[in-house]
Protein backbone atom coordinates (compact mmCIF):
# COMPACT_ATOMS: atom_id res chain seq x y z
CA UNK A 1 -21.69 9.74 3.66
CA UNK A 2 -18.97 11.64 5.54
CA UNK A 3 -16.30 8.98 4.96
CA UNK A 4 -17.17 8.71 1.27
CA UNK A 5 -16.80 12.47 1.02
CA UNK A 6 -13.45 12.29 2.81
CA UNK A 7 -12.21 9.69 0.32
CA UNK A 8 -13.29 11.80 -2.66
CA UNK A 9 -11.62 14.88 -1.21
CA UNK A 10 -8.46 12.95 -0.38
CA UNK A 11 -8.23 11.76 -3.97
CA UNK A 12 -8.86 15.27 -5.31
CA UNK A 13 -6.95 17.44 -2.84
CA UNK A 14 -4.67 15.22 -0.79
CA UNK A 15 -4.63 15.08 2.97
CA UNK A 16 -3.80 18.73 3.59
CA UNK A 17 -6.66 19.86 1.35
CA UNK A 18 -9.18 17.58 3.02
CA UNK A 19 -10.23 19.85 5.84
CA UNK A 20 -13.19 19.33 8.10
CA UNK A 21 -14.67 22.49 6.62
CA UNK A 22 -14.38 21.04 3.11
CA UNK A 23 -15.91 17.75 4.25
CA UNK A 24 -18.81 19.56 5.89
CA UNK A 25 -19.42 21.71 2.83
CA UNK A 26 -19.26 18.83 0.35
CA UNK A 27 -21.22 16.31 2.44
CA UNK A 28 -23.81 18.68 3.82
CA UNK A 29 -23.07 17.41 7.33
CA UNK A 30 -22.53 20.10 9.95
CA UNK A 31 -19.00 20.59 11.31
CA UNK A 32 -20.33 20.09 14.83
CA UNK A 33 -21.67 16.67 13.84
CA UNK A 34 -18.35 15.70 12.30
CA UNK A 35 -16.48 16.80 15.44
CA UNK A 36 -18.94 14.84 17.56
CA UNK A 37 -17.93 11.63 15.74
CA UNK A 38 -14.26 12.29 15.00
CA UNK A 39 -11.67 13.94 17.17
CA UNK A 40 -10.26 16.18 14.45
CA UNK A 41 -8.75 15.95 11.00
CA UNK A 42 -6.32 13.07 11.60
CA UNK A 43 -9.00 10.85 13.17
CA UNK A 44 -11.30 11.48 10.20
CA UNK A 45 -8.56 10.61 7.71
CA UNK A 46 -7.56 7.51 9.70
CA UNK A 47 -11.14 6.27 9.71
CA UNK A 48 -11.47 6.85 5.97
CA UNK A 49 -8.27 4.88 5.32
CA UNK A 50 -9.49 2.04 7.53
CA UNK A 51 -12.60 1.78 5.37
CA UNK A 52 -10.64 1.22 2.16
CA UNK A 53 -7.68 -0.79 3.41
CA UNK A 54 -7.32 -4.18 1.84
CA UNK A 55 -4.46 -6.31 3.09
CA UNK A 56 -3.62 -8.96 0.50
CA UNK A 57 -4.27 -12.60 1.23
CA UNK A 58 -1.32 -14.97 1.27
CA UNK A 59 -1.62 -16.71 -2.11
CA UNK A 60 0.49 -19.79 -1.12
CA UNK A 61 0.37 -21.22 -4.64
CA UNK A 62 3.11 -23.74 -3.98
CA UNK A 63 5.91 -21.82 -5.68
CA UNK A 64 7.67 -18.66 -4.64
CA UNK A 65 7.56 -17.30 -8.18
CA UNK A 66 3.78 -17.62 -8.44
CA UNK A 67 3.25 -16.24 -4.93
CA UNK A 68 5.38 -13.19 -5.71
CA UNK A 69 3.74 -12.58 -9.08
CA UNK A 70 0.33 -12.55 -7.38
CA UNK A 71 1.52 -10.26 -4.60
CA UNK A 72 3.37 -7.84 -6.89
CA UNK A 73 0.42 -7.73 -9.29
CA UNK A 74 -1.86 -7.03 -6.33
CA UNK A 75 0.41 -4.25 -5.09
CA UNK A 76 0.45 -2.69 -8.54
CA UNK A 77 -3.34 -2.86 -8.73
CA UNK A 78 -3.74 -1.36 -5.25
CA UNK A 79 -1.50 1.55 -6.26
CA UNK A 80 -3.17 2.05 -9.62
CA UNK A 81 -6.90 1.34 -9.21
CA UNK A 82 -9.62 1.38 -6.61
CA UNK A 83 -10.57 3.70 -3.81
CA UNK A 84 -7.16 3.85 -2.15
CA UNK A 85 -5.02 4.22 -5.28
CA UNK A 86 -4.57 7.96 -5.08
CA UNK A 87 -4.18 8.00 -1.33
CA UNK A 88 -0.92 6.14 -0.77
CA UNK A 89 1.42 8.89 -1.88
CA UNK A 90 -0.64 11.47 -0.01
CA UNK A 91 -0.27 9.33 3.11
CA UNK A 92 3.49 9.04 2.67
CA UNK A 93 3.71 12.81 2.33
CA UNK A 94 1.48 13.54 5.33
CA UNK A 95 3.27 10.98 7.49
CA UNK A 96 6.33 13.20 7.37
CA UNK A 97 4.50 15.85 9.41
CA UNK A 98 1.82 14.09 11.44
CA UNK A 99 2.62 11.38 14.03
CA UNK A 100 -0.87 9.84 13.82
CA UNK A 101 -0.65 9.55 10.04
CA UNK A 102 2.93 8.26 10.33
CA UNK A 103 1.61 5.50 12.62
CA UNK A 104 -1.08 4.67 10.05
CA UNK A 105 1.52 4.58 7.29
CA UNK A 106 3.74 2.20 9.28
CA UNK A 107 0.80 -0.01 10.24
CA UNK A 108 -0.29 -0.27 6.60
CA UNK A 109 3.24 -0.94 5.35
CA UNK A 110 3.91 -3.55 8.03
CA UNK A 111 0.67 -5.41 7.25
CA UNK A 112 1.41 -5.48 3.52
CA UNK A 113 5.05 -6.38 4.05
CA UNK A 114 4.16 -9.30 6.32
CA UNK A 115 2.45 -11.17 3.50
CA UNK A 116 5.41 -10.78 1.12
CA UNK A 117 7.94 -11.58 3.84
CA UNK A 118 5.98 -14.73 4.69
CA UNK A 119 6.02 -15.85 1.03
CA UNK A 120 9.77 -15.22 0.74
CA UNK A 121 10.48 -17.02 4.02
CA UNK A 122 8.41 -19.95 2.80
CA UNK A 123 10.39 -19.94 -0.47
CA UNK A 124 13.67 -20.00 1.46
CA UNK A 125 12.48 -22.96 3.54
CA UNK A 126 11.54 -24.84 0.32
CA UNK A 127 14.99 -24.19 -1.10
CA UNK A 128 13.79 -21.82 -3.83
CA UNK A 129 16.17 -19.14 -2.55
CA UNK A 130 19.51 -19.50 -0.76
CA UNK A 131 19.25 -19.97 3.02
CA UNK A 132 21.09 -16.68 3.69
CA UNK A 133 18.62 -14.60 1.68
CA UNK A 134 17.32 -11.54 3.51
CA UNK A 135 13.52 -11.51 2.98
CA UNK A 136 13.37 -7.74 3.63
CA UNK A 137 15.87 -7.16 0.83
CA UNK A 138 13.75 -9.21 -1.59
CA UNK A 139 10.74 -7.15 -0.54
CA UNK A 140 12.60 -3.91 -1.26
CA UNK A 141 13.75 -5.15 -4.66
CA UNK A 142 10.18 -6.06 -5.61
CA UNK A 143 8.20 -3.17 -4.13
CA UNK A 144 10.62 -0.36 -4.99
CA UNK A 145 10.19 -0.60 -8.77
CA UNK A 146 6.40 -0.82 -8.43
CA UNK A 147 6.22 2.35 -6.36
CA UNK A 148 8.65 4.09 -8.70
CA UNK A 149 6.68 3.19 -11.82
CA UNK A 150 3.45 4.32 -10.17
CA UNK A 151 5.09 7.60 -9.13
CA UNK A 152 6.30 8.38 -12.66
CA UNK A 153 3.18 7.10 -14.40
CA UNK A 154 4.66 3.98 -15.98
CA UNK A 155 2.54 0.89 -16.64
CA UNK A 156 2.38 -1.74 -13.95
CA UNK A 157 0.61 -4.84 -15.22
CA UNK A 158 0.88 -8.59 -14.77
CA UNK A 159 3.51 -8.87 -17.51
CA UNK A 160 5.67 -6.31 -15.76
CA UNK A 161 5.18 -8.09 -12.42
CA UNK A 162 6.23 -11.42 -13.97
CA UNK A 163 9.37 -9.86 -15.46
CA UNK A 164 10.28 -8.13 -12.21
CA UNK A 165 9.85 -11.31 -10.15
CA UNK A 166 11.88 -13.31 -12.69
CA UNK A 167 14.74 -10.80 -12.54
CA UNK A 168 14.82 -10.69 -8.73
CA UNK A 169 14.70 -14.47 -8.39
CA UNK A 170 17.39 -14.89 -11.07
CA UNK A 171 19.67 -12.48 -9.21
CA UNK A 172 19.45 -14.59 -6.08
CA UNK A 173 20.10 -17.82 -7.93
CA UNK A 174 23.30 -16.37 -9.41
CA UNK A 175 24.81 -15.72 -5.99
CA UNK A 176 28.58 -16.45 -6.04
């Protein structure tokens, strides 16, 4: 009940507005009980994030294009729908000021990046991208537009993901 309350408050108020006092008031659980289970605000937020984190599976469809479409579509969905959708930007903001939340942010990013980097590396080894392709650069070119569109309220659907992947892959195939 406490973690569900934390998630609702995070979505409504962001990390700074999700105080232990607010959690206690909304959940009906005494502050002393919350402090007995969590060592402060950051620990409570970290635990709530851990309960909604969903690291994508490696699709390994056989083609880089299809792998990337699945992963980009999944990223767009994670940023747009579900229990964690409203939390990502709050986490990025809070990570600027709190070392524990910065560590959570880096852990989450690294786990999500690993799946995309693995798909790109696999695509390079199959000859679908030039051998000198930097997988981290491909990741940036794919994820950046998704985060931007989510931040400004633009649509992020499968069609958009397919177009984005096609443009990025085409840019690498046109290397001089």
